[in-house]
C-alpha atoms as a PDB file:
ATOM      1  CA  MET A   1      14.715   9.706 -10.079  1.00  0.00           C
ATOM      2  CA  ILE A   2      15.904   8.349  -6.814  1.00  0.00           C
ATOM      3  CA  LYS A   3      15.619  11.472  -5.171  1.00  0.00           C
ATOM      4  CA  GLN A   4      12.328  12.308  -6.519  1.00  0.00           C
ATOM      5  CA  ILE A   5      10.916   9.084  -5.348  1.00  0.00           C
ATOM      6  CA  LEU A   6      12.500   9.585  -1.861  1.00  0.00           C
ATOM      7  CA  ILE A   7      10.825  13.022  -1.786  1.00  0.00           C
ATOM      8  CA  LEU A   8       7.376  11.636  -2.728  1.00  0.00           C
ATOM      9  CA  LEU A   9       7.684   8.918  -0.015  1.00  0.00           C
ATOM     10  CA  SER A  10       8.684  11.635   2.772  1.00  0.00           C
ATOM     11  CA  GLN A  11       5.569  13.430   1.887  1.00  0.00           C
ATOM     12  CA  GLY A  12       3.308  11.138   3.614  1.00  0.00           C
ATOM     13  CA  ASN A  13       1.238   7.934   3.331  1.00  0.00           C
ATOM     14  CA  HIS A  14       0.770   7.227  -0.525  1.00  0.00           C
ATOM     15  CA  THR A  15       0.072   4.086  -2.182  1.00  0.00           C
ATOM     16  CA  ILE A  16       2.310   2.477  -4.664  1.00  0.00           C
ATOM     17  CA  ALA A  17      -0.135   3.342  -7.490  1.00  0.00           C
ATOM     18  CA  GLU A  18      -0.028   6.997  -6.473  1.00  0.00           C
ATOM     19  CA  ILE A  19       3.679   7.315  -6.350  1.00  0.00           C
ATOM     20  CA  ALA A  20       4.198   5.337  -9.584  1.00  0.00           C
ATOM     21  CA  GLN A  21       1.970   7.892 -11.210  1.00  0.00           C
ATOM     22  CA  ARG A  22       3.536  10.798  -9.764  1.00  0.00           C
ATOM     23  CA  ALA A  23       7.059   9.370 -10.591  1.00  0.00           C
ATOM     24  CA  ASN A  24       5.636   8.492 -14.432  1.00  0.00           C
ATOM     25  CA  LEU A  25       6.482   4.889 -13.715  1.00  0.00           C
ATOM     26  CA  SER A  26       4.720   1.622 -13.866  1.00  0.00           C
ATOM     27  CA  LYS A  27       4.157  -0.142 -10.501  1.00  0.00           C
ATOM     28  CA  GLU A  28       6.454  -2.762 -11.489  1.00  0.00           C
ATOM     29  CA  ASP A  29       9.260  -0.450 -12.378  1.00  0.00           C
ATOM     30  CA  LEU A  30       8.539   1.395  -9.027  1.00  0.00           C
ATOM     31  CA  LEU A  31       8.671  -1.772  -6.995  1.00  0.00           C
ATOM     32  CA  ASN A  32      12.124  -2.585  -8.718  1.00  0.00           C
ATOM     33  CA  ARG A  33      13.403   0.747  -7.657  1.00  0.00           C
ATOM     34  CA  PHE A  34      12.126   0.266  -4.136  1.00  0.00           C
ATOM     35  CA  GLU A  35      14.039  -2.956  -4.268  1.00  0.00           C
ATOM     36  CA  MET A  36      17.361  -1.297  -5.491  1.00  0.00           C
ATOM     37  CA  MET A  37      16.855   1.528  -3.060  1.00  0.00           C
ATOM     38  CA  GLU A  38      16.435  -0.766  -0.115  1.00  0.00           C
ATOM     39  CA  TRP A  39      19.635  -2.474  -1.249  1.00  0.00           C
ATOM     40  CA  MET A  40      21.469   0.848  -1.332  1.00  0.00           C
ATOM     41  CA  GLY A  41      20.329   1.706   2.111  1.00  0.00           C
ATOM     42  CA  TYR A  42      17.852   4.548   1.236  1.00  0.00           C
ATOM     43  CA  LEU A  43      14.867   2.577   2.208  1.00  0.00           C
ATOM     44  CA  GLN A  44      13.743   0.074   4.805  1.00  0.00           C
ATOM     45  CA  LYS A  45      10.669  -2.132   4.049  1.00  0.00           C
ATOM     46  CA  SER A  46       8.258  -3.600   6.782  1.00  0.00           C
ATOM     47  CA  ASN A  47       5.058  -5.329   6.748  1.00  0.00           C
ATOM     48  CA  ILE A  48       1.740  -4.132   8.496  1.00  0.00           C
ATOM     49  CA  THR A  49      -0.955  -6.595   9.386  1.00  0.00           C
ATOM     50  CA  ALA A  50      -4.298  -5.308   9.690  1.00  0.00           C
ATOM     51  CA  SER A  51      -7.074  -7.402  10.943  1.00  0.00           C
ATOM     52  CA  LYS A  52     -10.578  -7.645   9.780  1.00  0.00           C
ATOM     53  CA  GLY A  53     -13.232  -5.582  11.521  1.00  0.00           C
ATOM     54  CA  ARG A  54     -10.584  -3.403  13.009  1.00  0.00           C
ATOM     55  CA  THR A  55     -11.793  -0.221  14.448  1.00  0.00           C
ATOM     56  CA  HIS A  56     -10.741   2.840  12.723  1.00  0.00           C
ATOM     57  CA  GLU A  57     -11.104   5.765  15.111  1.00  0.00           C
ATOM     58  CA  PRO A  58     -10.303   9.094  14.030  1.00  0.00           C
ATOM     59  CA  GLY A  59      -6.944  10.189  14.946  1.00  0.00           C
ATOM     60  CA  LYS A  60      -5.518   6.978  15.115  1.00  0.00           C
ATOM     61  CA  MET A  61      -2.982   5.512  12.550  1.00  0.00           C
ATOM     62  CA  CYS A  62      -5.697   3.589  10.633  1.00  0.00           C
ATOM     63  CA  ALA A  63      -7.207   6.870   9.747  1.00  0.00           C
ATOM     64  CA  PHE A  64      -4.120   7.803   7.526  1.00  0.00           C
ATOM     65  CA  CYS A  65      -3.620   4.366   6.128  1.00  0.00           C
ATOM     66  CA  PRO A  66      -4.101   4.241   2.428  1.00  0.00           C
ATOM     67  CA  VAL A  67      -5.360   0.728   2.732  1.00  0.00           C
ATOM     68  CA  ALA A  68      -7.744   1.111   5.853  1.00  0.00           C
ATOM     69  CA  ARG A  69     -10.812   0.244   4.111  1.00  0.00           C
ATOM     70  CA  GLU A  70      -9.450  -3.010   2.829  1.00  0.00           C
ATOM     71  CA  CYS A  71      -8.962  -4.499   6.236  1.00  0.00           C
ATOM     72  CA  LEU A  72     -12.634  -3.601   7.169  1.00  0.00           C
ATOM     73  CA  ASN A  73     -13.236  -6.842   4.689  1.00  0.00           C
ATOM     74  CA  HIS A  74     -10.617  -9.156   5.485  1.00  0.00           C
ATOM     75  CA  ASP A  75      -7.009  -9.586   7.108  1.00  0.00           C
ATOM     76  CA  ILE A  76      -4.233  -7.740   4.886  1.00  0.00           C
ATOM     77  CA  THR A  77      -0.665  -7.598   5.021  1.00  0.00           C
ATOM     78  CA  VAL A  78       0.668  -4.351   3.371  1.00  0.00           C
ATOM     79  CA  PRO A  79       4.468  -3.550   2.730  1.00  0.00           C
ATOM     80  CA  THR A  80       5.561  -0.115   3.784  1.00  0.00           C
ATOM     81  CA  TYR A  81       8.639   1.590   2.945  1.00  0.00           C
ATOM     82  CA  HIS A  82      10.359   4.151   5.177  1.00  0.00           C
ATOM     83  CA  LEU A  83      13.360   6.073   4.430  1.00  0.00           C
ATOM     84  CA  THR A  84      16.519   5.481   6.458  1.00  0.00           C
ATOM     85  CA  GLU A  85      18.774   8.064   7.728  1.00  0.00           C
ATOM     86  CA  LYS A  86      20.955   7.657   4.517  1.00  0.00           C
ATOM     87  CA  GLY A  87      17.876   8.288   2.400  1.00  0.00           C
ATOM     88  CA  LYS A  88      16.696  11.364   4.384  1.00  0.00           C
ATOM     89  CA  ARG A  89      20.327  12.875   3.883  1.00  0.00           C
ATOM     90  CA  ILE A  90      19.696  12.421   0.051  1.00  0.00           C
ATOM     91  CA  ILE A  91      16.672  14.736   0.206  1.00  0.00           C
ATOM     92  CA  SER A  92      17.924  17.274   2.630  1.00  0.00           C
END
């Protein structure tokens, strides 16, 4: 299951709900696994803060962000998860 989740994360920008659905897990279970994988050194968590009214230009990072529409209405902080080198080795 860990490898499957790492593969899904490596495939691009997906929401927690999308990854949970594809992994056949509840969002809560997926977040628990993210915590475990972060502790194991496979993932690194960071937060992105987007500001209300930010311009979303095609080709910019916001264009690929799964929550880009949300920050048009209000400021939002979104947790993001990235594979570490150790996580990348698991799926290679």
